[in-house]
Amino acid sequence: MGGIDLDPASSERANEFISAAKWYGKEEEDGLAQTWRGRVWCNPPFSTGLVGRFVKKLSDEYMAECVTEYCFLTNNASETKWGQDLLRISKAVCMVAVRMKFWHPD
């Protein structure tokens, strides 16, 4: 991608690693209420209903050509509506053979 313009579901601490030019966090600004532009990295909260809302936002912004490239990190839920919607707009999908371990700085 050559860089990340936006991480819409992040924190100041996580952005030390991601290095997005702009990020939105739960405490600062609601990423779902903002316009997404450029190259987007998104690791949405896995709370019930939130992943689907983030996929819908990504799809809307991508179809409007506001998002040019993206990497969307989520669990494999290809049987869900949001999983099908994400697959529909994706140019590539990477499935890992092992469960990912997440970084928990705090």
PDB file of N, CA and C in Angstrom:
ATOM      1  N   MET A   1       0.826  -1.196   0.000  1.00  0.00           N
ATOM      2  CA  MET A   1       0.000   0.000   0.000  1.00  0.00           C
ATOM      3  C   MET A   1       0.867   1.256   0.000  1.00  0.00           C
ATOM      4  N   GLY A   2       2.085   1.128   0.463  1.00  0.00           N
ATOM      5  CA  GLY A   2       2.969   2.289   0.450  1.00  0.00           C
ATOM      6  C   GLY A   2       2.734   3.272   1.581  1.00  0.00           C
ATOM      7  N   GLY A   3       1.871   2.949   2.507  1.00  0.00           N
ATOM      8  CA  GLY A   3       1.549   3.812   3.635  1.00  0.00           C
ATOM      9  C   GLY A   3       0.080   3.668   3.972  1.00  0.00           C
ATOM     10  N   ILE A   4      -0.283   4.206   5.116  1.00  0.00           N
ATOM     11  CA  ILE A   4      -1.670   4.148   5.565  1.00  0.00           C
ATOM     12  C   ILE A   4      -2.137   5.573   5.826  1.00  0.00           C
ATOM     13  N   ASP A   5      -3.207   5.945   5.139  1.00  0.00           N
ATOM     14  CA  ASP A   5      -3.767   7.281   5.321  1.00  0.00           C
ATOM     15  C   ASP A   5      -4.703   7.348   6.521  1.00  0.00           C
ATOM     16  N   LEU A   6      -5.416   6.233   6.791  1.00  0.00           N
ATOM     17  CA  LEU A   6      -6.415   6.265   7.856  1.00  0.00           C
ATOM     18  C   LEU A   6      -6.554   4.912   8.536  1.00  0.00           C
ATOM     19  N   ASP A   7      -6.650   4.947   9.849  1.00  0.00           N
ATOM     20  CA  ASP A   7      -7.046   3.794  10.657  1.00  0.00           C
ATOM     21  C   ASP A   7      -8.273   4.248  11.441  1.00  0.00           C
ATOM     22  N   PRO A   8      -9.470   3.833  11.021  1.00  0.00           N
ATOM     23  CA  PRO A   8     -10.699   4.350  11.641  1.00  0.00           C
ATOM     24  C   PRO A   8     -11.114   3.685  12.948  1.00  0.00           C
ATOM     25  N   ALA A   9     -10.366   2.700  13.418  1.00  0.00           N
ATOM     26  CA  ALA A   9     -10.714   1.997  14.666  1.00  0.00           C
ATOM     27  C   ALA A   9      -9.436   1.734  15.441  1.00  0.00           C
ATOM     28  N   SER A  10      -8.875   2.780  16.022  1.00  0.00           N
ATOM     29  CA  SER A  10      -7.539   2.663  16.582  1.00  0.00           C
ATOM     30  C   SER A  10      -7.419   3.344  17.931  1.00  0.00           C
ATOM     31  N   SER A  11      -6.181   3.559  18.317  1.00  0.00           N
ATOM     32  CA  SER A  11      -5.845   4.297  19.536  1.00  0.00           C
ATOM     33  C   SER A  11      -4.474   4.931  19.314  1.00  0.00           C
ATOM     34  N   GLU A  12      -4.134   5.869  20.147  1.00  0.00           N
ATOM     35  CA  GLU A  12      -2.823   6.523  20.032  1.00  0.00           C
ATOM     36  C   GLU A  12      -1.704   5.495  20.150  1.00  0.00           C
ATOM     37  N   ARG A  13      -1.849   4.582  21.083  1.00  0.00           N
ATOM     38  CA  ARG A  13      -0.815   3.557  21.303  1.00  0.00           C
ATOM     39  C   ARG A  13      -0.673   2.626  20.098  1.00  0.00           C
ATOM     40  N   ALA A  14      -1.805   2.165  19.555  1.00  0.00           N
ATOM     41  CA  ALA A  14      -1.761   1.277  18.385  1.00  0.00           C
ATOM     42  C   ALA A  14      -1.169   1.996  17.186  1.00  0.00           C
ATOM     43  N   ASN A  15      -1.441   3.286  17.064  1.00  0.00           N
ATOM     44  CA  ASN A  15      -0.925   4.017  15.910  1.00  0.00           C
ATOM     45  C   ASN A  15       0.584   4.211  15.965  1.00  0.00           C
ATOM     46  N   GLU A  16       1.197   4.004  17.104  1.00  0.00           N
ATOM     47  CA  GLU A  16       2.659   4.021  17.172  1.00  0.00           C
ATOM     48  C   GLU A  16       3.230   2.917  16.283  1.00  0.00           C
ATOM     49  N   PHE A  17       2.498   1.825  16.138  1.00  0.00           N
ATOM     50  CA  PHE A  17       2.915   0.707  15.290  1.00  0.00           C
ATOM     51  C   PHE A  17       2.371   0.844  13.870  1.00  0.00           C
ATOM     52  N   ILE A  18       1.096   1.200  13.726  1.00  0.00           N
ATOM     53  CA  ILE A  18       0.444   1.284  12.417  1.00  0.00           C
ATOM     54  C   ILE A  18       0.947   2.493  11.620  1.00  0.00           C
ATOM     55  N   SER A  19       1.182   3.591  12.281  1.00  0.00           N
ATOM     56  CA  SER A  19       1.695   4.829  11.662  1.00  0.00           C
ATOM     57  C   SER A  19       0.763   5.401  10.598  1.00  0.00           C
ATOM     58  N   ALA A  20      -0.529   5.396  10.877  1.00  0.00           N
ATOM     59  CA  ALA A  20      -1.488   6.014   9.956  1.00  0.00           C
ATOM     60  C   ALA A  20      -1.370   7.527  10.054  1.00  0.00           C
ATOM     61  N   ALA A  21      -1.537   8.200   8.920  1.00  0.00           N
ATOM     62  CA  ALA A  21      -1.492   9.660   8.919  1.00  0.00           C
ATOM     63  C   ALA A  21      -2.615  10.226   9.790  1.00  0.00           C
ATOM     64  N   LYS A  22      -3.762   9.542   9.825  1.00  0.00           N
ATOM     65  CA  LYS A  22      -4.902   9.954  10.645  1.00  0.00           C
ATOM     66  C   LYS A  22      -5.539   8.709  11.231  1.00  0.00           C
ATOM     67  N   TRP A  23      -6.017   8.816  12.447  1.00  0.00           N
ATOM     68  CA  TRP A  23      -6.710   7.694  13.075  1.00  0.00           C
ATOM     69  C   TRP A  23      -7.858   8.214  13.917  1.00  0.00           C
ATOM     70  N   TYR A  24      -8.850   7.350  14.090  1.00  0.00           N
ATOM     71  CA  TYR A  24      -9.987   7.650  14.953  1.00  0.00           C
ATOM     72  C   TYR A  24     -10.055   6.579  16.016  1.00  0.00           C
ATOM     73  N   GLY A  25     -10.348   6.995  17.227  1.00  0.00           N
ATOM     74  CA  GLY A  25     -10.473   6.058  18.332  1.00  0.00           C
ATOM     75  C   GLY A  25     -11.806   6.192  19.024  1.00  0.00           C
ATOM     76  N   LYS A  26     -12.147   5.194  19.790  1.00  0.00           N
ATOM     77  CA  LYS A  26     -13.431   5.160  20.482  1.00  0.00           C
ATOM     78  C   LYS A  26     -13.583   6.359  21.417  1.00  0.00           C
ATOM     79  N   GLU A  27     -12.527   6.741  22.067  1.00  0.00           N
ATOM     80  CA  GLU A  27     -12.596   7.852  23.023  1.00  0.00           C
ATOM     81  C   GLU A  27     -12.524   9.218  22.343  1.00  0.00           C
ATOM     82  N   GLU A  28     -11.880   9.294  21.175  1.00  0.00           N
ATOM     83  CA  GLU A  28     -11.648  10.585  20.521  1.00  0.00           C
ATOM     84  C   GLU A  28     -12.767  10.938  19.529  1.00  0.00           C
ATOM     85  N   GLU A  29     -12.917  10.149  18.480  1.00  0.00           N
ATOM     86  CA  GLU A  29     -13.913  10.399  17.442  1.00  0.00           C
ATOM     87  C   GLU A  29     -14.451   9.074  16.946  1.00  0.00           C
ATOM     88  N   ASP A  30     -15.705   9.044  16.631  1.00  0.00           N
ATOM     89  CA  ASP A  30     -16.338   7.846  16.105  1.00  0.00           C
ATOM     90  C   ASP A  30     -15.947   7.671  14.641  1.00  0.00           C
ATOM     91  N   GLY A  31     -15.112   6.667  14.355  1.00  0.00           N
ATOM     92  CA  GLY A  31     -14.655   6.428  12.986  1.00  0.00           C
ATOM     93  C   GLY A  31     -15.779   6.137  12.017  1.00  0.00           C
ATOM     94  N   LEU A  32     -16.889   5.597  12.494  1.00  0.00           N
ATOM     95  CA  LEU A  32     -18.019   5.315  11.611  1.00  0.00           C
ATOM     96  C   LEU A  32     -18.744   6.584  11.181  1.00  0.00           C
ATOM     97  N   ALA A  33     -18.584   7.663  11.930  1.00  0.00           N
ATOM     98  CA  ALA A  33     -19.261   8.928  11.612  1.00  0.00           C
ATOM     99  C   ALA A  33     -18.407   9.843  10.734  1.00  0.00           C
ATOM    100  N   GLN A  34     -17.185   9.421  10.421  1.00  0.00           N
ATOM    101  CA  GLN A  34     -16.257  10.243   9.649  1.00  0.00           C
ATOM    102  C   GLN A  34     -16.187   9.767   8.200  1.00  0.00           C
ATOM    103  N   THR A  35     -15.687  10.621   7.320  1.00  0.00           N
ATOM    104  CA  THR A  35     -15.413  10.213   5.946  1.00  0.00           C
ATOM    105  C   THR A  35     -14.067   9.503   5.914  1.00  0.00           C
ATOM    106  N   TRP A  36     -14.021   8.382   5.224  1.00  0.00           N
ATOM    107  CA  TRP A  36     -12.767   7.645   5.065  1.00  0.00           C
ATOM    108  C   TRP A  36     -12.195   7.991   3.709  1.00  0.00           C
ATOM    109  N   ARG A  37     -10.884   8.250   3.652  1.00  0.00           N
ATOM    110  CA  ARG A  37     -10.228   8.591   2.394  1.00  0.00           C
ATOM    111  C   ARG A  37      -8.887   7.883   2.275  1.00  0.00           C
ATOM    112  N   GLY A  38      -8.543   7.539   1.033  1.00  0.00           N
ATOM    113  CA  GLY A  38      -7.214   7.005   0.749  1.00  0.00           C
ATOM    114  C   GLY A  38      -7.042   5.545   1.115  1.00  0.00           C
ATOM    115  N   ARG A  39      -5.853   5.249   1.601  1.00  0.00           N
ATOM    116  CA  ARG A  39      -5.458   3.874   1.958  1.00  0.00           C
ATOM    117  C   ARG A  39      -5.831   3.626   3.419  1.00  0.00           C
ATOM    118  N   VAL A  40      -6.677   2.635   3.634  1.00  0.00           N
ATOM    119  CA  VAL A  40      -7.247   2.403   4.961  1.00  0.00           C
ATOM    120  C   VAL A  40      -6.789   1.063   5.539  1.00  0.00           C
ATOM    121  N   TRP A  41      -6.369   1.106   6.787  1.00  0.00           N
ATOM    122  CA  TRP A  41      -6.120  -0.100   7.587  1.00  0.00           C
ATOM    123  C   TRP A  41      -7.240  -0.146   8.614  1.00  0.00           C
ATOM    124  N   CYS A  42      -7.924  -1.273   8.736  1.00  0.00           N
ATOM    125  CA  CYS A  42      -9.009  -1.354   9.713  1.00  0.00           C
ATOM    126  C   CYS A  42      -9.011  -2.703  10.419  1.00  0.00           C
ATOM    127  N   ASN A  43      -8.826  -2.662  11.709  1.00  0.00           N
ATOM    128  CA  ASN A  43      -8.988  -3.818  12.588  1.00  0.00           C
ATOM    129  C   ASN A  43     -10.135  -3.434  13.516  1.00  0.00           C
ATOM    130  N   PRO A  44     -11.380  -3.680  13.074  1.00  0.00           N
ATOM    131  CA  PRO A  44     -12.536  -3.178  13.830  1.00  0.00           C
ATOM    132  C   PRO A  44     -12.738  -3.923  15.137  1.00  0.00           C
ATOM    133  N   PRO A  45     -13.449  -3.293  16.065  1.00  0.00           N
ATOM    134  CA  PRO A  45     -13.793  -4.019  17.291  1.00  0.00           C
ATOM    135  C   PRO A  45     -14.687  -5.206  16.932  1.00  0.00           C
ATOM    136  N   PHE A  46     -14.465  -6.326  17.575  1.00  0.00           N
ATOM    137  CA  PHE A  46     -15.209  -7.544  17.244  1.00  0.00           C
ATOM    138  C   PHE A  46     -16.500  -7.674  18.044  1.00  0.00           C
ATOM    139  N   SER A  47     -16.979  -6.581  18.597  1.00  0.00           N
ATOM    140  CA  SER A  47     -18.243  -6.606  19.328  1.00  0.00           C
ATOM    141  C   SER A  47     -19.391  -6.924  18.382  1.00  0.00           C
ATOM    142  N   THR A  48     -20.409  -7.554  18.926  1.00  0.00           N
ATOM    143  CA  THR A  48     -21.579  -7.906  18.126  1.00  0.00           C
ATOM    144  C   THR A  48     -22.131  -6.673  17.419  1.00  0.00           C
ATOM    145  N   GLY A  49     -22.298  -6.799  16.125  1.00  0.00           N
ATOM    146  CA  GLY A  49     -22.866  -5.719  15.332  1.00  0.00           C
ATOM    147  C   GLY A  49     -21.875  -4.699  14.825  1.00  0.00           C
ATOM    148  N   LEU A  50     -20.759  -4.522  15.499  1.00  0.00           N
ATOM    149  CA  LEU A  50     -19.816  -3.485  15.071  1.00  0.00           C
ATOM    150  C   LEU A  50     -19.043  -3.871  13.819  1.00  0.00           C
ATOM    151  N   VAL A  51     -18.653  -5.117  13.685  1.00  0.00           N
ATOM    152  CA  VAL A  51     -17.897  -5.516  12.495  1.00  0.00           C
ATOM    153  C   VAL A  51     -18.725  -5.242  11.249  1.00  0.00           C
ATOM    154  N   GLY A  52     -19.989  -5.618  11.273  1.00  0.00           N
ATOM    155  CA  GLY A  52     -20.870  -5.377  10.139  1.00  0.00           C
ATOM    156  C   GLY A  52     -21.007  -3.906   9.800  1.00  0.00           C
ATOM    157  N   ARG A  53     -21.048  -3.062  10.810  1.00  0.00           N
ATOM    158  CA  ARG A  53     -21.138  -1.613  10.568  1.00  0.00           C
ATOM    159  C   ARG A  53     -19.848  -1.084   9.932  1.00  0.00           C
ATOM    160  N   PHE A  54     -18.700  -1.601  10.371  1.00  0.00           N
ATOM    161  CA  PHE A  54     -17.430  -1.183   9.777  1.00  0.00           C
ATOM    162  C   PHE A  54     -17.306  -1.684   8.337  1.00  0.00           C
ATOM    163  N   VAL A  55     -17.775  -2.906   8.057  1.00  0.00           N
ATOM    164  CA  VAL A  55     -17.761  -3.421   6.679  1.00  0.00           C
ATOM    165  C   VAL A  55     -18.662  -2.563   5.799  1.00  0.00           C
ATOM    166  N   LYS A  56     -19.838  -2.209   6.297  1.00  0.00           N
ATOM    167  CA  LYS A  56     -20.771  -1.360   5.519  1.00  0.00           C
ATOM    168  C   LYS A  56     -20.131  -0.017   5.208  1.00  0.00           C
ATOM    169  N   LYS A  57     -19.489   0.581   6.196  1.00  0.00           N
ATOM    170  CA  LYS A  57     -18.818   1.879   5.996  1.00  0.00           C
ATOM    171  C   LYS A  57     -17.699   1.739   4.968  1.00  0.00           C
ATOM    172  N   LEU A  58     -16.883   0.695   5.094  1.00  0.00           N
ATOM    173  CA  LEU A  58     -15.809   0.452   4.135  1.00  0.00           C
ATOM    174  C   LEU A  58     -16.377   0.285   2.735  1.00  0.00           C
ATOM    175  N   SER A  59     -17.399  -0.525   2.601  1.00  0.00           N
ATOM    176  CA  SER A  59     -18.003  -0.778   1.298  1.00  0.00           C
ATOM    177  C   SER A  59     -18.542   0.510   0.683  1.00  0.00           C
ATOM    178  N   ASP A  60     -19.254   1.299   1.471  1.00  0.00           N
ATOM    179  CA  ASP A  60     -19.801   2.565   0.970  1.00  0.00           C
ATOM    180  C   ASP A  60     -18.696   3.504   0.498  1.00  0.00           C
ATOM    181  N   GLU A  61     -17.652   3.649   1.315  1.00  0.00           N
ATOM    182  CA  GLU A  61     -16.559   4.570   0.963  1.00  0.00           C
ATOM    183  C   GLU A  61     -15.734   4.040  -0.212  1.00  0.00           C
ATOM    184  N   TYR A  62     -15.580   2.723  -0.302  1.00  0.00           N
ATOM    185  CA  TYR A  62     -14.837   2.136  -1.422  1.00  0.00           C
ATOM    186  C   TYR A  62     -15.624   2.291  -2.725  1.00  0.00           C
ATOM    187  N   MET A  63     -16.908   2.021  -2.681  1.00  0.00           N
ATOM    188  CA  MET A  63     -17.741   2.150  -3.877  1.00  0.00           C
ATOM    189  C   MET A  63     -17.854   3.611  -4.328  1.00  0.00           C
ATOM    190  N   ALA A  64     -17.751   4.537  -3.396  1.00  0.00           N
ATOM    191  CA  ALA A  64     -17.768   5.974  -3.721  1.00  0.00           C
ATOM    192  C   ALA A  64     -16.395   6.463  -4.163  1.00  0.00           C
ATOM    193  N   GLU A  65     -15.415   5.547  -4.206  1.00  0.00           N
ATOM    194  CA  GLU A  65     -14.039   5.828  -4.600  1.00  0.00           C
ATOM    195  C   GLU A  65     -13.322   6.794  -3.663  1.00  0.00           C
ATOM    196  N   CYS A  66     -13.774   6.847  -2.413  1.00  0.00           N
ATOM    197  CA  CYS A  66     -13.066   7.628  -1.391  1.00  0.00           C
ATOM    198  C   CYS A  66     -11.911   6.799  -0.836  1.00  0.00           C
ATOM    199  N   VAL A  67     -12.139   5.505  -0.648  1.00  0.00           N
ATOM    200  CA  VAL A  67     -11.096   4.578  -0.213  1.00  0.00           C
ATOM    201  C   VAL A  67     -10.485   3.969  -1.463  1.00  0.00           C
ATOM    202  N   THR A  68      -9.177   4.102  -1.601  1.00  0.00           N
ATOM    203  CA  THR A  68      -8.497   3.598  -2.799  1.00  0.00           C
ATOM    204  C   THR A  68      -7.941   2.191  -2.612  1.00  0.00           C
ATOM    205  N   GLU A  69      -7.484   1.884  -1.397  1.00  0.00           N
ATOM    206  CA  GLU A  69      -6.967   0.560  -1.044  1.00  0.00           C
ATOM    207  C   GLU A  69      -7.285   0.338   0.420  1.00  0.00           C
ATOM    208  N   TYR A  70      -7.363  -0.924   0.815  1.00  0.00           N
ATOM    209  CA  TYR A  70      -7.616  -1.193   2.220  1.00  0.00           C
ATOM    210  C   TYR A  70      -7.105  -2.561   2.620  1.00  0.00           C
ATOM    211  N   CYS A  71      -6.871  -2.676   3.912  1.00  0.00           N
ATOM    212  CA  CYS A  71      -6.591  -3.957   4.546  1.00  0.00           C
ATOM    213  C   CYS A  71      -7.549  -4.019   5.726  1.00  0.00           C
ATOM    214  N   PHE A  72      -8.432  -5.001   5.720  1.00  0.00           N
ATOM    215  CA  PHE A  72      -9.465  -5.141   6.745  1.00  0.00           C
ATOM    216  C   PHE A  72      -9.212  -6.448   7.477  1.00  0.00           C
ATOM    217  N   LEU A  73      -8.861  -6.361   8.745  1.00  0.00           N
ATOM    218  CA  LEU A  73      -8.510  -7.536   9.529  1.00  0.00           C
ATOM    219  C   LEU A  73      -9.718  -7.987  10.343  1.00  0.00           C
ATOM    220  N   THR A  74     -10.152  -9.213  10.104  1.00  0.00           N
ATOM    221  CA  THR A  74     -11.283  -9.748  10.864  1.00  0.00           C
ATOM    222  C   THR A  74     -11.227 -11.266  10.882  1.00  0.00           C
ATOM    223  N   ASN A  75     -12.129 -11.842  11.631  1.00  0.00           N
ATOM    224  CA  ASN A  75     -12.220 -13.292  11.647  1.00  0.00           C
ATOM    225  C   ASN A  75     -12.909 -13.781  10.372  1.00  0.00           C
ATOM    226  N   ASN A  76     -12.755 -15.059  10.091  1.00  0.00           N
ATOM    227  CA  ASN A  76     -13.416 -15.639   8.923  1.00  0.00           C
ATOM    228  C   ASN A  76     -14.884 -15.851   9.267  1.00  0.00           C
ATOM    229  N   ALA A  77     -15.735 -15.064   8.648  1.00  0.00           N
ATOM    230  CA  ALA A  77     -17.176 -15.194   8.856  1.00  0.00           C
ATOM    231  C   ALA A  77     -17.861 -15.096   7.498  1.00  0.00           C
ATOM    232  N   SER A  78     -17.372 -15.885   6.571  1.00  0.00           N
ATOM    233  CA  SER A  78     -17.882 -15.805   5.199  1.00  0.00           C
ATOM    234  C   SER A  78     -19.342 -16.228   5.093  1.00  0.00           C
ATOM    235  N   GLU A  79     -19.894 -16.828   6.145  1.00  0.00           N
ATOM    236  CA  GLU A  79     -21.299 -17.228   6.117  1.00  0.00           C
ATOM    237  C   GLU A  79     -22.239 -16.082   6.510  1.00  0.00           C
ATOM    238  N   THR A  80     -21.681 -14.979   7.004  1.00  0.00           N
ATOM    239  CA  THR A  80     -22.512 -13.845   7.431  1.00  0.00           C
ATOM    240  C   THR A  80     -22.741 -12.877   6.276  1.00  0.00           C
ATOM    241  N   LYS A  81     -23.742 -12.024   6.434  1.00  0.00           N
ATOM    242  CA  LYS A  81     -24.005 -11.000   5.414  1.00  0.00           C
ATOM    243  C   LYS A  81     -22.800 -10.073   5.275  1.00  0.00           C
ATOM    244  N   TRP A  82     -22.251  -9.630   6.421  1.00  0.00           N
ATOM    245  CA  TRP A  82     -21.115  -8.720   6.330  1.00  0.00           C
ATOM    246  C   TRP A  82     -19.902  -9.418   5.733  1.00  0.00           C
ATOM    247  N   GLY A  83     -19.737 -10.710   6.003  1.00  0.00           N
ATOM    248  CA  GLY A  83     -18.632 -11.460   5.413  1.00  0.00           C
ATOM    249  C   GLY A  83     -18.769 -11.544   3.902  1.00  0.00           C
ATOM    250  N   GLN A  84     -19.980 -11.792   3.429  1.00  0.00           N
ATOM    251  CA  GLN A  84     -20.233 -11.832   1.986  1.00  0.00           C
ATOM    252  C   GLN A  84     -20.029 -10.456   1.360  1.00  0.00           C
ATOM    253  N   ASP A  85     -20.474  -9.409   2.052  1.00  0.00           N
ATOM    254  CA  ASP A  85     -20.285  -8.038   1.542  1.00  0.00           C
ATOM    255  C   ASP A  85     -18.805  -7.697   1.426  1.00  0.00           C
ATOM    256  N   LEU A  86     -18.019  -8.092   2.417  1.00  0.00           N
ATOM    257  CA  LEU A  86     -16.582  -7.829   2.388  1.00  0.00           C
ATOM    258  C   LEU A  86     -15.912  -8.597   1.256  1.00  0.00           C
ATOM    259  N   LEU A  87     -16.265  -9.849   1.098  1.00  0.00           N
ATOM    260  CA  LEU A  87     -15.701 -10.652   0.002  1.00  0.00           C
ATOM    261  C   LEU A  87     -16.059 -10.068  -1.360  1.00  0.00           C
ATOM    262  N   ARG A  88     -17.257  -9.532  -1.487  1.00  0.00           N
ATOM    263  CA  ARG A  88     -17.730  -8.979  -2.753  1.00  0.00           C
ATOM    264  C   ARG A  88     -16.860  -7.808  -3.239  1.00  0.00           C
ATOM    265  N   ILE A  89     -16.367  -6.984  -2.323  1.00  0.00           N
ATOM    266  CA  ILE A  89     -15.575  -5.816  -2.738  1.00  0.00           C
ATOM    267  C   ILE A  89     -14.069  -6.055  -2.696  1.00  0.00           C
ATOM    268  N   SER A  90     -13.657  -7.211  -2.188  1.00  0.00           N
ATOM    269  CA  SER A  90     -12.224  -7.472  -2.000  1.00  0.00           C
ATOM    270  C   SER A  90     -11.555  -8.009  -3.256  1.00  0.00           C
ATOM    271  N   LYS A  91     -10.373  -7.509  -3.520  1.00  0.00           N
ATOM    272  CA  LYS A  91      -9.565  -7.981  -4.652  1.00  0.00           C
ATOM    273  C   LYS A  91      -8.727  -9.196  -4.270  1.00  0.00           C
ATOM    274  N   ALA A  92      -8.414  -9.312  -2.967  1.00  0.00           N
ATOM    275  CA  ALA A  92      -7.617 -10.437  -2.471  1.00  0.00           C
ATOM    276  C   ALA A  92      -8.034 -10.729  -1.039  1.00  0.00           C
ATOM    277  N   VAL A  93      -7.886 -11.990  -0.650  1.00  0.00           N
ATOM    278  CA  VAL A  93      -8.213 -12.421   0.703  1.00  0.00           C
ATOM    279  C   VAL A  93      -7.063 -13.298   1.187  1.00  0.00           C
ATOM    280  N   CYS A  94      -6.645 -13.082   2.413  1.00  0.00           N
ATOM    281  CA  CYS A  94      -5.585 -13.889   3.007  1.00  0.00           C
ATOM    282  C   CYS A  94      -6.164 -14.618   4.211  1.00  0.00           C
ATOM    283  N   MET A  95      -6.074 -15.933   4.181  1.00  0.00           N
ATOM    284  CA  MET A  95      -6.553 -16.746   5.296  1.00  0.00           C
ATOM    285  C   MET A  95      -5.336 -17.409   5.931  1.00  0.00           C
ATOM    286  N   VAL A  96      -5.200 -17.244   7.228  1.00  0.00           N
ATOM    287  CA  VAL A  96      -4.056 -17.834   7.917  1.00  0.00           C
ATOM    288  C   VAL A  96      -4.432 -19.208   8.463  1.00  0.00           C
ATOM    289  N   ALA A  97      -3.445 -20.076   8.609  1.00  0.00           N
ATOM    290  CA  ALA A  97      -3.678 -21.454   9.041  1.00  0.00           C
ATOM    291  C   ALA A  97      -3.715 -21.606  10.563  1.00  0.00           C
ATOM    292  N   VAL A  98      -3.326 -20.575  11.270  1.00  0.00           N
ATOM    293  CA  VAL A  98      -3.313 -20.632  12.736  1.00  0.00           C
ATOM    294  C   VAL A  98      -4.062 -19.424  13.295  1.00  0.00           C
ATOM    295  N   ARG A  99      -4.483 -19.551  14.529  1.00  0.00           N
ATOM    296  CA  ARG A  99      -5.154 -18.424  15.180  1.00  0.00           C
ATOM    297  C   ARG A  99      -4.125 -17.324  15.450  1.00  0.00           C
ATOM    298  N   MET A 100      -4.473 -16.089  15.087  1.00  0.00           N
ATOM    299  CA  MET A 100      -3.561 -14.974  15.274  1.00  0.00           C
ATOM    300  C   MET A 100      -3.503 -14.578  16.735  1.00  0.00           C
ATOM    301  N   LYS A 101      -2.325 -14.160  17.156  1.00  0.00           N
ATOM    302  CA  LYS A 101      -2.144 -13.636  18.504  1.00  0.00           C
ATOM    303  C   LYS A 101      -2.111 -12.116  18.391  1.00  0.00           C
ATOM    304  N   PHE A 102      -2.905 -11.470  19.192  1.00  0.00           N
ATOM    305  CA  PHE A 102      -3.002 -10.022  19.138  1.00  0.00           C
ATOM    306  C   PHE A 102      -2.109  -9.373  20.173  1.00  0.00           C
ATOM    307  N   TRP A 103      -1.643  -8.197  19.828  1.00  0.00           N
ATOM    308  CA  TRP A 103      -0.768  -7.409  20.668  1.00  0.00           C
ATOM    309  C   TRP A 103      -1.644  -6.659  21.671  1.00  0.00           C
ATOM    310  N   HIS A 104      -1.351  -6.795  22.944  1.00  0.00           N
ATOM    311  CA  HIS A 104      -2.079  -6.100  23.988  1.00  0.00           C
ATOM    312  C   HIS A 104      -1.088  -5.280  24.804  1.00  0.00           C
ATOM    313  N   PRO A 105      -0.821  -4.037  24.404  1.00  0.00           N
ATOM    314  CA  PRO A 105       0.221  -3.256  25.082  1.00  0.00           C
ATOM    315  C   PRO A 105      -0.092  -2.911  26.528  1.00  0.00           C
ATOM    316  N   ASP A 106      -1.354  -2.845  26.899  1.00  0.00           N
ATOM    317  CA  ASP A 106      -1.717  -2.480  28.268  1.00  0.00           C
ATOM    318  C   ASP A 106      -2.239  -3.677  29.020  1.00  0.00           C
TER     319      ASP A 106
END
